[in-house]
């Protein structure tokens, strides 16, 4: 079962209809459905960063990418390190990230 919608088999399926679709049309249909399924399941993770220097400097970002863009303005940053710092609750570039 592909995308909970399609069954690929070499055996006849009762009730199946014959189609005159070309391979390119089938490919495009499957690709379109795959992208729709992926976008429907896409989950964003909000990130809150708070300064560890005692100031009340905190920011909330809608996505990890938005947070990385901001942190890159301070120092080179990447997603992998940010994820690790969130999990370990260690500061990253002077901010505690949640």
PDB file of N, CA and C in Angstrom:
ATOM      1  N   UNK A   1       0.858  -1.164   0.000  1.00  0.00           N
ATOM      2  CA  UNK A   1       0.000   0.000   0.000  1.00  0.00           C
ATOM      3  C   UNK A   1       0.905   1.229   0.000  1.00  0.00           C
ATOM      4  N   UNK A   2       0.757   2.082  -0.973  1.00  0.00           N
ATOM      5  CA  UNK A   2       1.572   3.286  -1.113  1.00  0.00           C
ATOM      6  C   UNK A   2       0.695   4.497  -0.823  1.00  0.00           C
ATOM      7  N   UNK A   3       1.107   5.318   0.128  1.00  0.00           N
ATOM      8  CA  UNK A   3       0.374   6.513   0.550  1.00  0.00           C
ATOM      9  C   UNK A   3      -1.031   6.177   1.032  1.00  0.00           C
ATOM     10  N   UNK A   4      -1.244   4.959   1.489  1.00  0.00           N
ATOM     11  CA  UNK A   4      -2.565   4.486   1.912  1.00  0.00           C
ATOM     12  C   UNK A   4      -3.618   4.690   0.825  1.00  0.00           C
ATOM     13  N   UNK A   5      -3.170   4.650  -0.428  1.00  0.00           N
ATOM     14  CA  UNK A   5      -4.078   4.937  -1.531  1.00  0.00           C
ATOM     15  C   UNK A   5      -3.883   3.993  -2.712  1.00  0.00           C
ATOM     16  N   UNK A   6      -2.657   3.562  -2.953  1.00  0.00           N
ATOM     17  CA  UNK A   6      -2.336   2.764  -4.136  1.00  0.00           C
ATOM     18  C   UNK A   6      -1.823   1.388  -3.737  1.00  0.00           C
ATOM     19  N   UNK A   7      -2.182   0.397  -4.535  1.00  0.00           N
ATOM     20  CA  UNK A   7      -1.670  -0.963  -4.365  1.00  0.00           C
ATOM     21  C   UNK A   7      -0.963  -1.346  -5.655  1.00  0.00           C
ATOM     22  N   UNK A   8       0.282  -1.766  -5.534  1.00  0.00           N
ATOM     23  CA  UNK A   8       1.045  -2.231  -6.689  1.00  0.00           C
ATOM     24  C   UNK A   8       1.170  -3.741  -6.576  1.00  0.00           C
ATOM     25  N   UNK A   9       0.660  -4.446  -7.567  1.00  0.00           N
ATOM     26  CA  UNK A   9       0.686  -5.902  -7.532  1.00  0.00           C
ATOM     27  C   UNK A   9       0.747  -6.448  -8.956  1.00  0.00           C
ATOM     28  N   UNK A  10       1.203  -7.679  -9.066  1.00  0.00           N
ATOM     29  CA  UNK A  10       1.223  -8.324 -10.376  1.00  0.00           C
ATOM     30  C   UNK A  10       0.032  -9.278 -10.525  1.00  0.00           C
ATOM     31  N   UNK A  11      -0.886  -9.239  -9.562  1.00  0.00           N
ATOM     32  CA  UNK A  11      -2.071 -10.085  -9.584  1.00  0.00           C
ATOM     33  C   UNK A  11      -3.311  -9.226  -9.862  1.00  0.00           C
ATOM     34  N   UNK A  12      -4.315  -9.783 -10.506  1.00  0.00           N
ATOM     35  CA  UNK A  12      -5.539  -9.022 -10.770  1.00  0.00           C
ATOM     36  C   UNK A  12      -6.235  -8.613  -9.469  1.00  0.00           C
ATOM     37  N   UNK A  13      -6.852  -7.438  -9.486  1.00  0.00           N
ATOM     38  CA  UNK A  13      -7.590  -6.942  -8.328  1.00  0.00           C
ATOM     39  C   UNK A  13      -9.051  -6.830  -8.728  1.00  0.00           C
ATOM     40  N   UNK A  14      -9.916  -7.459  -7.941  1.00  0.00           N
ATOM     41  CA  UNK A  14     -11.349  -7.439  -8.223  1.00  0.00           C
ATOM     42  C   UNK A  14     -11.860  -6.001  -8.095  1.00  0.00           C
ATOM     43  N   UNK A  15     -12.584  -5.534  -9.089  1.00  0.00           N
ATOM     44  CA  UNK A  15     -13.158  -4.189  -9.061  1.00  0.00           C
ATOM     45  C   UNK A  15     -12.246  -3.117  -9.636  1.00  0.00           C
ATOM     46  N   UNK A  16     -11.036  -3.488 -10.027  1.00  0.00           N
ATOM     47  CA  UNK A  16     -10.115  -2.502 -10.602  1.00  0.00           C
ATOM     48  C   UNK A  16     -10.577  -2.123 -11.999  1.00  0.00           C
ATOM     49  N   UNK A  17     -10.345  -0.858 -12.367  1.00  0.00           N
ATOM     50  CA  UNK A  17     -10.715  -0.370 -13.687  1.00  0.00           C
ATOM     51  C   UNK A  17      -9.480  -0.263 -14.569  1.00  0.00           C
ATOM     52  N   UNK A  18      -9.674  -0.473 -15.855  1.00  0.00           N
ATOM     53  CA  UNK A  18      -8.595  -0.326 -16.832  1.00  0.00           C
ATOM     54  C   UNK A  18      -8.427   1.164 -17.103  1.00  0.00           C
ATOM     55  N   UNK A  19      -7.180   1.594 -17.160  1.00  0.00           N
ATOM     56  CA  UNK A  19      -6.890   3.004 -17.420  1.00  0.00           C
ATOM     57  C   UNK A  19      -5.959   3.123 -18.619  1.00  0.00           C
ATOM     58  N   UNK A  20      -6.100   4.200 -19.334  1.00  0.00           N
ATOM     59  CA  UNK A  20      -5.247   4.457 -20.490  1.00  0.00           C
ATOM     60  C   UNK A  20      -4.161   5.478 -20.167  1.00  0.00           C
ATOM     61  N   UNK A  21      -3.803   5.597 -18.897  1.00  0.00           N
ATOM     62  CA  UNK A  21      -2.789   6.577 -18.492  1.00  0.00           C
ATOM     63  C   UNK A  21      -1.409   6.140 -18.974  1.00  0.00           C
ATOM     64  N   UNK A  22      -0.606   7.115 -19.380  1.00  0.00           N
ATOM     65  CA  UNK A  22       0.774   6.823 -19.770  1.00  0.00           C
ATOM     66  C   UNK A  22       1.625   6.704 -18.515  1.00  0.00           C
ATOM     67  N   UNK A  23       2.834   6.179 -18.668  1.00  0.00           N
ATOM     68  CA  UNK A  23       3.743   6.079 -17.523  1.00  0.00           C
ATOM     69  C   UNK A  23       4.054   7.456 -16.951  1.00  0.00           C
ATOM     70  N   UNK A  24       4.225   8.449 -17.817  1.00  0.00           N
ATOM     71  CA  UNK A  24       4.499   9.810 -17.344  1.00  0.00           C
ATOM     72  C   UNK A  24       3.334  10.362 -16.539  1.00  0.00           C
ATOM     73  N   UNK A  25       2.116  10.108 -16.973  1.00  0.00           N
ATOM     74  CA  UNK A  25       0.935  10.578 -16.236  1.00  0.00           C
ATOM     75  C   UNK A  25       0.841   9.899 -14.869  1.00  0.00           C
ATOM     76  N   UNK A  26       1.129   8.610 -14.832  1.00  0.00           N
ATOM     77  CA  UNK A  26       1.118   7.883 -13.551  1.00  0.00           C
ATOM     78  C   UNK A  26       2.206   8.424 -12.633  1.00  0.00           C
ATOM     79  N   UNK A  27       3.390   8.631 -13.177  1.00  0.00           N
ATOM     80  CA  UNK A  27       4.502   9.183 -12.395  1.00  0.00           C
ATOM     81  C   UNK A  27       4.115  10.537 -11.809  1.00  0.00           C
ATOM     82  N   UNK A  28       3.549  11.412 -12.626  1.00  0.00           N
ATOM     83  CA  UNK A  28       3.158  12.747 -12.157  1.00  0.00           C
ATOM     84  C   UNK A  28       2.067  12.672 -11.095  1.00  0.00           C
ATOM     85  N   UNK A  29       1.107  11.766 -11.267  1.00  0.00           N
ATOM     86  CA  UNK A  29       0.044  11.599 -10.289  1.00  0.00           C
ATOM     87  C   UNK A  29       0.610  11.127  -8.949  1.00  0.00           C
ATOM     88  N   UNK A  30       1.480  10.119  -8.982  1.00  0.00           N
ATOM     89  CA  UNK A  30       2.077   9.604  -7.753  1.00  0.00           C
ATOM     90  C   UNK A  30       2.947  10.666  -7.074  1.00  0.00           C
ATOM     91  N   UNK A  31       3.709  11.398  -7.863  1.00  0.00           N
ATOM     92  CA  UNK A  31       4.577  12.433  -7.304  1.00  0.00           C
ATOM     93  C   UNK A  31       3.751  13.540  -6.652  1.00  0.00           C
ATOM     94  N   UNK A  32       2.678  13.959  -7.298  1.00  0.00           N
ATOM     95  CA  UNK A  32       1.799  14.997  -6.752  1.00  0.00           C
ATOM     96  C   UNK A  32       1.178  14.520  -5.433  1.00  0.00           C
ATOM     97  N   UNK A  33       0.687  13.280  -5.403  1.00  0.00           N
ATOM     98  CA  UNK A  33       0.091  12.742  -4.173  1.00  0.00           C
ATOM     99  C   UNK A  33       1.132  12.584  -3.070  1.00  0.00           C
ATOM    100  N   UNK A  34       2.349  12.187  -3.430  1.00  0.00           N
ATOM    101  CA  UNK A  34       3.422  12.043  -2.440  1.00  0.00           C
ATOM    102  C   UNK A  34       3.743  13.397  -1.805  1.00  0.00           C
ATOM    103  N   UNK A  35       3.827  14.438  -2.621  1.00  0.00           N
ATOM    104  CA  UNK A  35       4.129  15.772  -2.096  1.00  0.00           C
ATOM    105  C   UNK A  35       2.999  16.295  -1.216  1.00  0.00           C
ATOM    106  N   UNK A  36       1.750  16.039  -1.620  1.00  0.00           N
ATOM    107  CA  UNK A  36       0.608  16.456  -0.805  1.00  0.00           C
ATOM    108  C   UNK A  36       0.628  15.747   0.546  1.00  0.00           C
ATOM    109  N   UNK A  37       0.929  14.465   0.537  1.00  0.00           N
ATOM    110  CA  UNK A  37       0.987  13.689   1.780  1.00  0.00           C
ATOM    111  C   UNK A  37       2.105  14.204   2.686  1.00  0.00           C
ATOM    112  N   UNK A  38       3.257  14.479   2.100  1.00  0.00           N
ATOM    113  CA  UNK A  38       4.396  14.973   2.878  1.00  0.00           C
ATOM    114  C   UNK A  38       4.085  16.338   3.488  1.00  0.00           C
ATOM    115  N   UNK A  39       3.477  17.223   2.718  1.00  0.00           N
ATOM    116  CA  UNK A  39       3.145  18.551   3.226  1.00  0.00           C
ATOM    117  C   UNK A  39       2.081  18.492   4.311  1.00  0.00           C
ATOM    118  N   UNK A  40       1.155  17.552   4.203  1.00  0.00           N
ATOM    119  CA  UNK A  40       0.116  17.409   5.217  1.00  0.00           C
ATOM    120  C   UNK A  40       0.687  16.933   6.540  1.00  0.00           C
ATOM    121  N   UNK A  41       1.750  16.147   6.486  1.00  0.00           N
ATOM    122  CA  UNK A  41       2.360  15.605   7.700  1.00  0.00           C
ATOM    123  C   UNK A  41       3.456  16.494   8.271  1.00  0.00           C
ATOM    124  N   UNK A  42       3.825  17.530   7.537  1.00  0.00           N
ATOM    125  CA  UNK A  42       4.921  18.390   7.970  1.00  0.00           C
ATOM    126  C   UNK A  42       4.564  19.062   9.295  1.00  0.00           C
ATOM    127  N   UNK A  43       5.433  18.919  10.265  1.00  0.00           N
ATOM    128  CA  UNK A  43       5.218  19.484  11.587  1.00  0.00           C
ATOM    129  C   UNK A  43       6.277  20.544  11.835  1.00  0.00           C
ATOM    130  N   UNK A  44       5.846  21.684  12.309  1.00  0.00           N
ATOM    131  CA  UNK A  44       6.811  22.714  12.653  1.00  0.00           C
ATOM    132  C   UNK A  44       7.045  22.686  14.153  1.00  0.00           C
ATOM    133  N   UNK A  45       8.214  23.098  14.532  1.00  0.00           N
ATOM    134  CA  UNK A  45       8.571  23.111  15.934  1.00  0.00           C
ATOM    135  C   UNK A  45       8.893  24.540  16.334  1.00  0.00           C
ATOM    136  N   UNK A  46       8.132  25.084  17.249  1.00  0.00           N
ATOM    137  CA  UNK A  46       8.405  26.425  17.745  1.00  0.00           C
ATOM    138  C   UNK A  46       9.631  26.373  18.651  1.00  0.00           C
ATOM    139  N   UNK A  47      10.416  27.449  18.626  1.00  0.00           N
ATOM    140  CA  UNK A  47      11.622  27.518  19.434  1.00  0.00           C
ATOM    141  C   UNK A  47      11.606  28.820  20.221  1.00  0.00           C
ATOM    142  N   UNK A  48      11.790  28.707  21.524  1.00  0.00           N
ATOM    143  CA  UNK A  48      11.902  29.861  22.398  1.00  0.00           C
ATOM    144  C   UNK A  48      13.353  29.955  22.841  1.00  0.00           C
ATOM    145  N   UNK A  49      13.947  31.130  22.666  1.00  0.00           N
ATOM    146  CA  UNK A  49      15.311  31.329  23.150  1.00  0.00           C
ATOM    147  C   UNK A  49      15.292  32.440  24.189  1.00  0.00           C
ATOM    148  N   UNK A  50      16.044  32.218  25.266  1.00  0.00           N
ATOM    149  CA  UNK A  50      16.141  33.186  26.350  1.00  0.00           C
ATOM    150  C   UNK A  50      17.607  33.434  26.649  1.00  0.00           C
ATOM    151  N   UNK A  51      17.972  34.691  26.783  1.00  0.00           N
ATOM    152  CA  UNK A  51      19.365  35.050  27.060  1.00  0.00           C
ATOM    153  C   UNK A  51      19.770  34.523  28.436  1.00  0.00           C
ATOM    154  N   UNK A  52      20.988  34.001  28.528  1.00  0.00           N
ATOM    155  CA  UNK A  52      21.487  33.482  29.805  1.00  0.00           C
ATOM    156  C   UNK A  52      22.286  34.530  30.572  1.00  0.00           C
ATOM    157  N   UNK A  53      22.435  35.735  30.017  1.00  0.00           N
ATOM    158  CA  UNK A  53      23.236  36.775  30.663  1.00  0.00           C
ATOM    159  C   UNK A  53      22.457  37.578  31.696  1.00  0.00           C
ATOM    160  N   UNK A  54      21.230  37.161  32.003  1.00  0.00           N
ATOM    161  CA  UNK A  54      20.445  37.836  33.030  1.00  0.00           C
ATOM    162  C   UNK A  54      19.499  38.883  32.482  1.00  0.00           C
ATOM    163  N   UNK A  55      19.640  39.254  31.219  1.00  0.00           N
ATOM    164  CA  UNK A  55      18.699  40.211  30.628  1.00  0.00           C
ATOM    165  C   UNK A  55      17.399  39.490  30.315  1.00  0.00           C
ATOM    166  N   UNK A  56      16.368  40.240  30.126  1.00  0.00           N
ATOM    167  CA  UNK A  56      15.068  39.643  29.784  1.00  0.00           C
ATOM    168  C   UNK A  56      14.914  39.539  28.277  1.00  0.00           C
ATOM    169  N   UNK A  57      15.981  39.205  27.595  1.00  0.00           N
ATOM    170  CA  UNK A  57      15.972  39.087  26.141  1.00  0.00           C
ATOM    171  C   UNK A  57      15.514  37.683  25.755  1.00  0.00           C
ATOM    172  N   UNK A  58      14.318  37.580  25.211  1.00  0.00           N
ATOM    173  CA  UNK A  58      13.814  36.286  24.747  1.00  0.00           C
ATOM    174  C   UNK A  58      13.063  36.498  23.439  1.00  0.00           C
ATOM    175  N   UNK A  59      13.081  35.466  22.622  1.00  0.00           N
ATOM    176  CA  UNK A  59      12.406  35.520  21.326  1.00  0.00           C
ATOM    177  C   UNK A  59      11.753  34.169  21.063  1.00  0.00           C
ATOM    178  N   UNK A  60      10.592  34.208  20.397  1.00  0.00           N
ATOM    179  CA  UNK A  60       9.887  32.991  20.012  1.00  0.00           C
ATOM    180  C   UNK A  60       9.895  32.906  18.490  1.00  0.00           C
ATOM    181  N   UNK A  61      10.306  31.758  17.971  1.00  0.00           N
ATOM    182  CA  UNK A  61      10.364  31.536  16.527  1.00  0.00           C
ATOM    183  C   UNK A  61       9.377  30.434  16.157  1.00  0.00           C
ATOM    184  N   UNK A  62       8.753  30.580  15.006  1.00  0.00           N
ATOM    185  CA  UNK A  62       7.768  29.594  14.546  1.00  0.00           C
ATOM    186  C   UNK A  62       8.411  28.304  14.053  1.00  0.00           C
ATOM    187  N   UNK A  63       9.656  28.393  13.568  1.00  0.00           N
ATOM    188  CA  UNK A  63      10.328  27.208  13.040  1.00  0.00           C
ATOM    189  C   UNK A  63      11.791  27.195  13.464  1.00  0.00           C
ATOM    190  N   UNK A  64      12.389  26.028  13.363  1.00  0.00           N
ATOM    191  CA  UNK A  64      13.823  25.885  13.614  1.00  0.00           C
ATOM    192  C   UNK A  64      14.605  26.757  12.629  1.00  0.00           C
ATOM    193  N   UNK A  65      14.177  26.770  11.361  1.00  0.00           N
ATOM    194  CA  UNK A  65      14.883  27.564  10.350  1.00  0.00           C
ATOM    195  C   UNK A  65      14.898  29.044  10.707  1.00  0.00           C
ATOM    196  N   UNK A  66      13.771  29.572  11.188  1.00  0.00           N
ATOM    197  CA  UNK A  66      13.730  30.982  11.584  1.00  0.00           C
ATOM    198  C   UNK A  66      14.716  31.251  12.718  1.00  0.00           C
ATOM    199  N   UNK A  67      14.788  30.331  13.664  1.00  0.00           N
ATOM    200  CA  UNK A  67      15.724  30.478  14.776  1.00  0.00           C
ATOM    201  C   UNK A  67      17.168  30.439  14.283  1.00  0.00           C
ATOM    202  N   UNK A  68      17.471  29.539  13.370  1.00  0.00           N
ATOM    203  CA  UNK A  68      18.831  29.426  12.819  1.00  0.00           C
ATOM    204  C   UNK A  68      19.216  30.707  12.085  1.00  0.00           C
ATOM    205  N   UNK A  69      18.303  31.268  11.337  1.00  0.00           N
ATOM    206  CA  UNK A  69      18.587  32.524  10.625  1.00  0.00           C
ATOM    207  C   UNK A  69      18.956  33.615  11.633  1.00  0.00           C
ATOM    208  N   UNK A  70      18.211  33.710  12.722  1.00  0.00           N
ATOM    209  CA  UNK A  70      18.519  34.706  13.752  1.00  0.00           C
ATOM    210  C   UNK A  70      19.877  34.416  14.398  1.00  0.00           C
ATOM    211  N   UNK A  71      20.098  33.164  14.794  1.00  0.00           N
ATOM    212  CA  UNK A  71      21.366  32.816  15.457  1.00  0.00           C
ATOM    213  C   UNK A  71      22.558  33.006  14.530  1.00  0.00           C
ATOM    214  N   UNK A  72      22.380  32.813  13.235  1.00  0.00           N
ATOM    215  CA  UNK A  72      23.460  33.036  12.274  1.00  0.00           C
ATOM    216  C   UNK A  72      23.872  34.504  12.228  1.00  0.00           C
ATOM    217  N   UNK A  73      22.974  35.405  12.610  1.00  0.00           N
ATOM    218  CA  UNK A  73      23.343  36.824  12.656  1.00  0.00           C
ATOM    219  C   UNK A  73      24.265  37.105  13.848  1.00  0.00           C
ATOM    220  N   UNK A  74      24.300  36.182  14.803  1.00  0.00           N
ATOM    221  CA  UNK A  74      25.163  36.320  15.975  1.00  0.00           C
ATOM    222  C   UNK A  74      26.472  35.564  15.756  1.00  0.00           C
ATOM    223  N   UNK A  75      26.358  34.314  15.332  1.00  0.00           N
ATOM    224  CA  UNK A  75      27.519  33.454  15.088  1.00  0.00           C
ATOM    225  C   UNK A  75      27.062  32.305  14.197  1.00  0.00           C
ATOM    226  N   UNK A  76      28.004  31.656  13.491  1.00  0.00           N
ATOM    227  CA  UNK A  76      27.607  30.518  12.645  1.00  0.00           C
ATOM    228  C   UNK A  76      26.835  29.470  13.457  1.00  0.00           C
ATOM    229  N   UNK A  77      25.706  29.045  12.929  1.00  0.00           N
ATOM    230  CA  UNK A  77      24.820  28.107  13.628  1.00  0.00           C
ATOM    231  C   UNK A  77      24.318  27.057  12.655  1.00  0.00           C
ATOM    232  N   UNK A  78      23.902  25.909  13.209  1.00  0.00           N
ATOM    233  CA  UNK A  78      23.294  24.880  12.362  1.00  0.00           C
ATOM    234  C   UNK A  78      22.215  24.133  13.128  1.00  0.00           C
ATOM    235  N   UNK A  79      21.333  23.476  12.382  1.00  0.00           N
ATOM    236  CA  UNK A  79      20.184  22.787  12.975  1.00  0.00           C
ATOM    237  C   UNK A  79      20.583  21.663  13.915  1.00  0.00           C
ATOM    238  N   UNK A  80      21.561  20.879  13.507  1.00  0.00           N
ATOM    239  CA  UNK A  80      21.956  19.721  14.309  1.00  0.00           C
ATOM    240  C   UNK A  80      22.387  20.154  15.704  1.00  0.00           C
ATOM    241  N   UNK A  81      23.239  21.165  15.761  1.00  0.00           N
ATOM    242  CA  UNK A  81      23.710  21.639  17.059  1.00  0.00           C
ATOM    243  C   UNK A  81      22.560  22.239  17.854  1.00  0.00           C
ATOM    244  N   UNK A  82      21.677  22.977  17.192  1.00  0.00           N
ATOM    245  CA  UNK A  82      20.538  23.563  17.893  1.00  0.00           C
ATOM    246  C   UNK A  82      19.652  22.472  18.486  1.00  0.00           C
ATOM    247  N   UNK A  83      19.354  21.427  17.709  1.00  0.00           N
ATOM    248  CA  UNK A  83      18.564  20.311  18.243  1.00  0.00           C
ATOM    249  C   UNK A  83      19.233  19.699  19.475  1.00  0.00           C
ATOM    250  N   UNK A  84      20.529  19.491  19.397  1.00  0.00           N
ATOM    251  CA  UNK A  84      21.261  18.904  20.541  1.00  0.00           C
ATOM    252  C   UNK A  84      21.200  19.803  21.763  1.00  0.00           C
ATOM    253  N   UNK A  85      21.346  21.108  21.552  1.00  0.00           N
ATOM    254  CA  UNK A  85      21.304  22.038  22.676  1.00  0.00           C
ATOM    255  C   UNK A  85      19.911  22.121  23.277  1.00  0.00           C
ATOM    256  N   UNK A  86      18.883  22.024  22.470  1.00  0.00           N
ATOM    257  CA  UNK A  86      17.516  22.008  22.993  1.00  0.00           C
ATOM    258  C   UNK A  86      17.313  20.775  23.865  1.00  0.00           C
ATOM    259  N   UNK A  87      17.752  19.624  23.373  1.00  0.00           N
ATOM    260  CA  UNK A  87      17.577  18.369  24.123  1.00  0.00           C
ATOM    261  C   UNK A  87      18.394  18.352  25.413  1.00  0.00           C
ATOM    262  N   UNK A  88      19.616  18.871  25.372  1.00  0.00           N
ATOM    263  CA  UNK A  88      20.487  18.844  26.552  1.00  0.00           C
ATOM    264  C   UNK A  88      20.261  20.042  27.469  1.00  0.00           C
ATOM    265  N   UNK A  89      19.476  21.019  27.015  1.00  0.00           N
ATOM    266  CA  UNK A  89      19.195  22.251  27.754  1.00  0.00           C
ATOM    267  C   UNK A  89      20.468  23.011  28.109  1.00  0.00           C
ATOM    268  N   UNK A  90      21.412  23.018  27.166  1.00  0.00           N
ATOM    269  CA  UNK A  90      22.643  23.790  27.317  1.00  0.00           C
ATOM    270  C   UNK A  90      22.533  25.053  26.465  1.00  0.00           C
ATOM    271  N   UNK A  91      23.147  26.147  26.900  1.00  0.00           N
ATOM    272  CA  UNK A  91      23.094  27.390  26.116  1.00  0.00           C
ATOM    273  C   UNK A  91      23.756  27.237  24.745  1.00  0.00           C
ATOM    274  N   UNK A  92      23.236  28.010  23.800  1.00  0.00           N
ATOM    275  CA  UNK A  92      23.777  28.040  22.442  1.00  0.00           C
ATOM    276  C   UNK A  92      23.901  29.495  22.044  1.00  0.00           C
ATOM    277  N   UNK A  93      25.108  29.959  21.819  1.00  0.00           N
ATOM    278  CA  UNK A  93      25.397  31.350  21.466  1.00  0.00           C
ATOM    279  C   UNK A  93      24.779  32.320  22.488  1.00  0.00           C
ATOM    280  N   UNK A  94      24.851  31.948  23.766  1.00  0.00           N
ATOM    281  CA  UNK A  94      24.356  32.844  24.828  1.00  0.00           C
ATOM    282  C   UNK A  94      22.874  32.757  25.082  1.00  0.00           C
ATOM    283  N   UNK A  95      22.195  31.789  24.489  1.00  0.00           N
ATOM    284  CA  UNK A  95      20.746  31.627  24.684  1.00  0.00           C
ATOM    285  C   UNK A  95      20.443  30.210  25.132  1.00  0.00           C
ATOM    286  N   UNK A  96      19.498  30.106  26.042  1.00  0.00           N
ATOM    287  CA  UNK A  96      18.953  28.810  26.403  1.00  0.00           C
ATOM    288  C   UNK A  96      17.777  28.565  25.470  1.00  0.00           C
ATOM    289  N   UNK A  97      17.812  27.482  24.745  1.00  0.00           N
ATOM    290  CA  UNK A  97      16.811  27.201  23.694  1.00  0.00           C
ATOM    291  C   UNK A  97      15.839  26.122  24.159  1.00  0.00           C
ATOM    292  N   UNK A  98      14.581  26.352  23.891  1.00  0.00           N
ATOM    293  CA  UNK A  98      13.537  25.393  24.271  1.00  0.00           C
ATOM    294  C   UNK A  98      12.605  25.147  23.108  1.00  0.00           C
TER     295      UNK A  98
END
